[in-house]
Amino acid sequence: MQKSYKKRFKITKTGKIMRRRMAQDHFRAKKTGSQIRKKRKGLSLGKADAKVFRKHLNLK
């Protein structure tokens, strides 16, 4: 797996591809605590995006 992909995506044990939610690093002062907590969880890629990702990395 390329280093750039390794930083941004995680492949779970079941084969799902997880990514990080956006808008977590800066401009957080205006956001409520509940918004910040919701963004901590990962988000799985959609089927179309996962298909492209797998094709690019030569995964099954």
PDB file of N, CA and C in Angstrom:
ATOM      1  N   MET A   1       0.851  -1.181   0.000  1.00  0.00           N
ATOM      2  CA  MET A   1       0.000   0.000   0.000  1.00  0.00           C
ATOM      3  C   MET A   1       0.894   1.240   0.000  1.00  0.00           C
ATOM      4  N   GLN A   2       0.521   2.237  -0.791  1.00  0.00           N
ATOM      5  CA  GLN A   2       1.305   3.456  -0.845  1.00  0.00           C
ATOM      6  C   GLN A   2       1.229   4.205   0.471  1.00  0.00           C
ATOM      7  N   LYS A   3       2.289   4.916   0.802  1.00  0.00           N
ATOM      8  CA  LYS A   3       2.363   5.627   2.071  1.00  0.00           C
ATOM      9  C   LYS A   3       1.265   6.682   2.203  1.00  0.00           C
ATOM     10  N   SER A   4       0.944   7.360   1.113  1.00  0.00           N
ATOM     11  CA  SER A   4      -0.079   8.401   1.162  1.00  0.00           C
ATOM     12  C   SER A   4      -1.454   7.809   1.488  1.00  0.00           C
ATOM     13  N   TYR A   5      -1.734   6.614   0.978  1.00  0.00           N
ATOM     14  CA  TYR A   5      -3.003   5.957   1.272  1.00  0.00           C
ATOM     15  C   TYR A   5      -3.010   5.403   2.693  1.00  0.00           C
ATOM     16  N   LYS A   6      -1.856   4.930   3.125  1.00  0.00           N
ATOM     17  CA  LYS A   6      -1.738   4.362   4.461  1.00  0.00           C
ATOM     18  C   LYS A   6      -2.063   5.402   5.535  1.00  0.00           C
ATOM     19  N   LYS A   7      -1.687   6.661   5.266  1.00  0.00           N
ATOM     20  CA  LYS A   7      -1.951   7.742   6.207  1.00  0.00           C
ATOM     21  C   LYS A   7      -3.436   8.086   6.282  1.00  0.00           C
ATOM     22  N   ARG A   8      -4.139   7.954   5.158  1.00  0.00           N
ATOM     23  CA  ARG A   8      -5.495   8.467   5.066  1.00  0.00           C
ATOM     24  C   ARG A   8      -6.601   7.428   5.220  1.00  0.00           C
ATOM     25  N   PHE A   9      -6.292   6.167   4.975  1.00  0.00           N
ATOM     26  CA  PHE A   9      -7.312   5.123   4.999  1.00  0.00           C
ATOM     27  C   PHE A   9      -6.870   3.950   5.850  1.00  0.00           C
ATOM     28  N   LYS A  10      -7.847   3.233   6.385  1.00  0.00           N
ATOM     29  CA  LYS A  10      -7.571   2.030   7.159  1.00  0.00           C
ATOM     30  C   LYS A  10      -8.496   0.932   6.652  1.00  0.00           C
ATOM     31  N   ILE A  11      -7.946  -0.229   6.403  1.00  0.00           N
ATOM     32  CA  ILE A  11      -8.755  -1.364   5.988  1.00  0.00           C
ATOM     33  C   ILE A  11      -9.040  -2.198   7.224  1.00  0.00           C
ATOM     34  N   THR A  12     -10.316  -2.412   7.521  1.00  0.00           N
ATOM     35  CA  THR A  12     -10.709  -3.148   8.713  1.00  0.00           C
ATOM     36  C   THR A  12     -10.564  -4.644   8.483  1.00  0.00           C
ATOM     37  N   LYS A  13     -10.758  -5.386   9.547  1.00  0.00           N
ATOM     38  CA  LYS A  13     -10.646  -6.846   9.501  1.00  0.00           C
ATOM     39  C   LYS A  13     -11.675  -7.445   8.537  1.00  0.00           C
ATOM     40  N   THR A  14     -12.850  -6.829   8.465  1.00  0.00           N
ATOM     41  CA  THR A  14     -13.913  -7.339   7.591  1.00  0.00           C
ATOM     42  C   THR A  14     -13.786  -6.850   6.162  1.00  0.00           C
ATOM     43  N   GLY A  15     -12.815  -5.948   5.897  1.00  0.00           N
ATOM     44  CA  GLY A  15     -12.577  -5.491   4.538  1.00  0.00           C
ATOM     45  C   GLY A  15     -13.141  -4.120   4.219  1.00  0.00           C
ATOM     46  N   LYS A  16     -13.782  -3.471   5.181  1.00  0.00           N
ATOM     47  CA  LYS A  16     -14.287  -2.120   4.944  1.00  0.00           C
ATOM     48  C   LYS A  16     -13.113  -1.157   4.881  1.00  0.00           C
ATOM     49  N   ILE A  17     -13.292  -0.086   4.140  1.00  0.00           N
ATOM     50  CA  ILE A  17     -12.270   0.949   4.048  1.00  0.00           C
ATOM     51  C   ILE A  17     -12.779   2.168   4.805  1.00  0.00           C
ATOM     52  N   MET A  18     -12.043   2.551   5.840  1.00  0.00           N
ATOM     53  CA  MET A  18     -12.454   3.657   6.696  1.00  0.00           C
ATOM     54  C   MET A  18     -11.616   4.890   6.389  1.00  0.00           C
ATOM     55  N   ARG A  19     -12.243   6.045   6.519  1.00  0.00           N
ATOM     56  CA  ARG A  19     -11.532   7.305   6.339  1.00  0.00           C
ATOM     57  C   ARG A  19     -11.871   8.236   7.491  1.00  0.00           C
ATOM     58  N   ARG A  20     -11.108   9.297   7.612  1.00  0.00           N
ATOM     59  CA  ARG A  20     -11.281  10.271   8.682  1.00  0.00           C
ATOM     60  C   ARG A  20     -12.284  11.328   8.242  1.00  0.00           C
ATOM     61  N   ARG A  21     -13.076  11.823   9.159  1.00  0.00           N
ATOM     62  CA  ARG A  21     -13.999  12.904   8.826  1.00  0.00           C
ATOM     63  C   ARG A  21     -13.256  14.211   8.691  1.00  0.00           C
ATOM     64  N   MET A  22     -13.780  15.101   7.851  1.00  0.00           N
ATOM     65  CA  MET A  22     -13.101  16.373   7.612  1.00  0.00           C
ATOM     66  C   MET A  22     -13.424  17.392   8.704  1.00  0.00           C
ATOM     67  N   ALA A  23     -12.692  18.498   8.695  1.00  0.00           N
ATOM     68  CA  ALA A  23     -12.902  19.663   9.567  1.00  0.00           C
ATOM     69  C   ALA A  23     -12.653  19.347  11.039  1.00  0.00           C
ATOM     70  N   GLN A  24     -11.532  18.693  11.334  1.00  0.00           N
ATOM     71  CA  GLN A  24     -11.195  18.387  12.722  1.00  0.00           C
ATOM     72  C   GLN A  24      -9.990  19.157  13.234  1.00  0.00           C
ATOM     73  N   ASP A  25      -9.201  19.724  12.350  1.00  0.00           N
ATOM     74  CA  ASP A  25      -7.927  20.273  12.771  1.00  0.00           C
ATOM     75  C   ASP A  25      -7.958  21.718  13.234  1.00  0.00           C
ATOM     76  N   HIS A  26      -8.637  22.575  12.499  1.00  0.00           N
ATOM     77  CA  HIS A  26      -8.675  23.970  12.917  1.00  0.00           C
ATOM     78  C   HIS A  26     -10.066  24.550  12.679  1.00  0.00           C
ATOM     79  N   PHE A  27     -10.286  25.769  13.132  1.00  0.00           N
ATOM     80  CA  PHE A  27     -11.607  26.418  13.126  1.00  0.00           C
ATOM     81  C   PHE A  27     -12.591  25.639  13.989  1.00  0.00           C
ATOM     82  N   ARG A  28     -12.111  25.127  15.108  1.00  0.00           N
ATOM     83  CA  ARG A  28     -12.968  24.330  15.980  1.00  0.00           C
ATOM     84  C   ARG A  28     -13.624  25.153  17.076  1.00  0.00           C
ATOM     85  N   ALA A  29     -13.206  26.390  17.259  1.00  0.00           N
ATOM     86  CA  ALA A  29     -13.715  27.193  18.364  1.00  0.00           C
ATOM     87  C   ALA A  29     -15.222  27.421  18.255  1.00  0.00           C
ATOM     88  N   LYS A  30     -15.717  27.540  17.040  1.00  0.00           N
ATOM     89  CA  LYS A  30     -17.147  27.804  16.834  1.00  0.00           C
ATOM     90  C   LYS A  30     -17.990  26.539  16.981  1.00  0.00           C
ATOM     91  N   LYS A  31     -17.382  25.385  16.816  1.00  0.00           N
ATOM     92  CA  LYS A  31     -18.144  24.137  16.809  1.00  0.00           C
ATOM     93  C   LYS A  31     -18.544  23.723  18.228  1.00  0.00           C
ATOM     94  N   THR A  32     -19.708  23.120  18.335  1.00  0.00           N
ATOM     95  CA  THR A  32     -20.180  22.646  19.634  1.00  0.00           C
ATOM     96  C   THR A  32     -19.454  21.354  19.995  1.00  0.00           C
ATOM     97  N   GLY A  33     -19.521  20.988  21.246  1.00  0.00           N
ATOM     98  CA  GLY A  33     -18.878  19.761  21.716  1.00  0.00           C
ATOM     99  C   GLY A  33     -19.436  18.533  21.042  1.00  0.00           C
ATOM    100  N   SER A  34     -20.743  18.530  20.795  1.00  0.00           N
ATOM    101  CA  SER A  34     -21.358  17.364  20.165  1.00  0.00           C
ATOM    102  C   SER A  34     -20.881  17.214  18.719  1.00  0.00           C
ATOM    103  N   GLN A  35     -20.672  18.312  18.017  1.00  0.00           N
ATOM    104  CA  GLN A  35     -20.155  18.240  16.647  1.00  0.00           C
ATOM    105  C   GLN A  35     -18.748  17.653  16.633  1.00  0.00           C
ATOM    106  N   ILE A  36     -17.921  18.106  17.559  1.00  0.00           N
ATOM    107  CA  ILE A  36     -16.543  17.628  17.630  1.00  0.00           C
ATOM    108  C   ILE A  36     -16.508  16.139  17.965  1.00  0.00           C
ATOM    109  N   ARG A  37     -17.336  15.710  18.897  1.00  0.00           N
ATOM    110  CA  ARG A  37     -17.374  14.291  19.284  1.00  0.00           C
ATOM    111  C   ARG A  37     -17.844  13.407  18.131  1.00  0.00           C
ATOM    112  N   LYS A  38     -18.819  13.876  17.357  1.00  0.00           N
ATOM    113  CA  LYS A  38     -19.318  13.092  16.218  1.00  0.00           C
ATOM    114  C   LYS A  38     -18.233  12.880  15.173  1.00  0.00           C
ATOM    115  N   LYS A  39     -17.366  13.869  15.004  1.00  0.00           N
ATOM    116  CA  LYS A  39     -16.339  13.791  13.976  1.00  0.00           C
ATOM    117  C   LYS A  39     -15.175  12.883  14.345  1.00  0.00           C
ATOM    118  N   ARG A  40     -15.090  12.469  15.594  1.00  0.00           N
ATOM    119  CA  ARG A  40     -13.997  11.579  16.013  1.00  0.00           C
ATOM    120  C   ARG A  40     -14.114  10.194  15.392  1.00  0.00           C
ATOM    121  N   LYS A  41     -15.336   9.750  15.153  1.00  0.00           N
ATOM    122  CA  LYS A  41     -15.537   8.421  14.584  1.00  0.00           C
ATOM    123  C   LYS A  41     -15.142   8.400  13.120  1.00  0.00           C
ATOM    124  N   GLY A  42     -14.681   7.255  12.668  1.00  0.00           N
ATOM    125  CA  GLY A  42     -14.333   7.098  11.266  1.00  0.00           C
ATOM    126  C   GLY A  42     -15.579   6.949  10.416  1.00  0.00           C
ATOM    127  N   LEU A  43     -15.408   7.054   9.140  1.00  0.00           N
ATOM    128  CA  LEU A  43     -16.514   6.950   8.206  1.00  0.00           C
ATOM    129  C   LEU A  43     -16.099   5.977   7.115  1.00  0.00           C
ATOM    130  N   SER A  44     -16.966   5.033   6.793  1.00  0.00           N
ATOM    131  CA  SER A  44     -16.590   4.066   5.762  1.00  0.00           C
ATOM    132  C   SER A  44     -16.841   4.656   4.382  1.00  0.00           C
ATOM    133  N   LEU A  45     -16.044   4.243   3.424  1.00  0.00           N
ATOM    134  CA  LEU A  45     -16.219   4.717   2.060  1.00  0.00           C
ATOM    135  C   LEU A  45     -17.446   4.074   1.454  1.00  0.00           C
ATOM    136  N   GLY A  46     -18.064   4.773   0.520  1.00  0.00           N
ATOM    137  CA  GLY A  46     -19.186   4.214  -0.215  1.00  0.00           C
ATOM    138  C   GLY A  46     -18.722   3.116  -1.148  1.00  0.00           C
ATOM    139  N   LYS A  47     -19.656   2.382  -1.701  1.00  0.00           N
ATOM    140  CA  LYS A  47     -19.297   1.248  -2.556  1.00  0.00           C
ATOM    141  C   LYS A  47     -18.519   1.672  -3.790  1.00  0.00           C
ATOM    142  N   ALA A  48     -18.937   2.768  -4.430  1.00  0.00           N
ATOM    143  CA  ALA A  48     -18.257   3.217  -5.650  1.00  0.00           C
ATOM    144  C   ALA A  48     -16.834   3.673  -5.337  1.00  0.00           C
ATOM    145  N   ASP A  49     -16.669   4.433  -4.257  1.00  0.00           N
ATOM    146  CA  ASP A  49     -15.340   4.912  -3.873  1.00  0.00           C
ATOM    147  C   ASP A  49     -14.434   3.753  -3.473  1.00  0.00           C
ATOM    148  N   ALA A  50     -14.990   2.790  -2.749  1.00  0.00           N
ATOM    149  CA  ALA A  50     -14.207   1.635  -2.315  1.00  0.00           C
ATOM    150  C   ALA A  50     -13.737   0.819  -3.512  1.00  0.00           C
ATOM    151  N   LYS A  51     -14.590   0.735  -4.524  1.00  0.00           N
ATOM    152  CA  LYS A  51     -14.242  -0.023  -5.726  1.00  0.00           C
ATOM    153  C   LYS A  51     -13.038   0.616  -6.431  1.00  0.00           C
ATOM    154  N   VAL A  52     -13.048   1.932  -6.549  1.00  0.00           N
ATOM    155  CA  VAL A  52     -11.938   2.662  -7.183  1.00  0.00           C
ATOM    156  C   VAL A  52     -10.673   2.496  -6.353  1.00  0.00           C
ATOM    157  N   PHE A  53     -10.810   2.607  -5.038  1.00  0.00           N
ATOM    158  CA  PHE A  53      -9.681   2.483  -4.123  1.00  0.00           C
ATOM    159  C   PHE A  53      -9.035   1.113  -4.256  1.00  0.00           C
ATOM    160  N   ARG A  54      -9.852   0.065  -4.255  1.00  0.00           N
ATOM    161  CA  ARG A  54      -9.333  -1.292  -4.354  1.00  0.00           C
ATOM    162  C   ARG A  54      -8.650  -1.534  -5.703  1.00  0.00           C
ATOM    163  N   LYS A  55      -9.229  -0.981  -6.765  1.00  0.00           N
ATOM    164  CA  LYS A  55      -8.651  -1.141  -8.098  1.00  0.00           C
ATOM    165  C   LYS A  55      -7.289  -0.467  -8.168  1.00  0.00           C
ATOM    166  N   HIS A  56      -7.204   0.712  -7.576  1.00  0.00           N
ATOM    167  CA  HIS A  56      -5.967   1.459  -7.591  1.00  0.00           C
ATOM    168  C   HIS A  56      -4.859   0.752  -6.830  1.00  0.00           C
ATOM    169  N   LEU A  57      -5.201   0.088  -5.732  1.00  0.00           N
ATOM    170  CA  LEU A  57      -4.204  -0.597  -4.906  1.00  0.00           C
ATOM    171  C   LEU A  57      -4.051  -2.075  -5.224  1.00  0.00           C
ATOM    172  N   ASN A  58      -4.772  -2.546  -6.236  1.00  0.00           N
ATOM    173  CA  ASN A  58      -4.718  -3.957  -6.636  1.00  0.00           C
ATOM    174  C   ASN A  58      -5.147  -4.887  -5.506  1.00  0.00           C
ATOM    175  N   LEU A  59      -6.200  -4.501  -4.786  1.00  0.00           N
ATOM    176  CA  LEU A  59      -6.766  -5.348  -3.739  1.00  0.00           C
ATOM    177  C   LEU A  59      -7.959  -6.093  -4.310  1.00  0.00           C
ATOM    178  N   LYS A  60      -8.356  -7.175  -3.643  1.00  0.00           N
ATOM    179  CA  LYS A  60      -9.525  -7.962  -4.102  1.00  0.00           C
ATOM    180  C   LYS A  60     -10.810  -7.227  -3.798  1.00  0.00           C
TER     181      LYS A  60
END
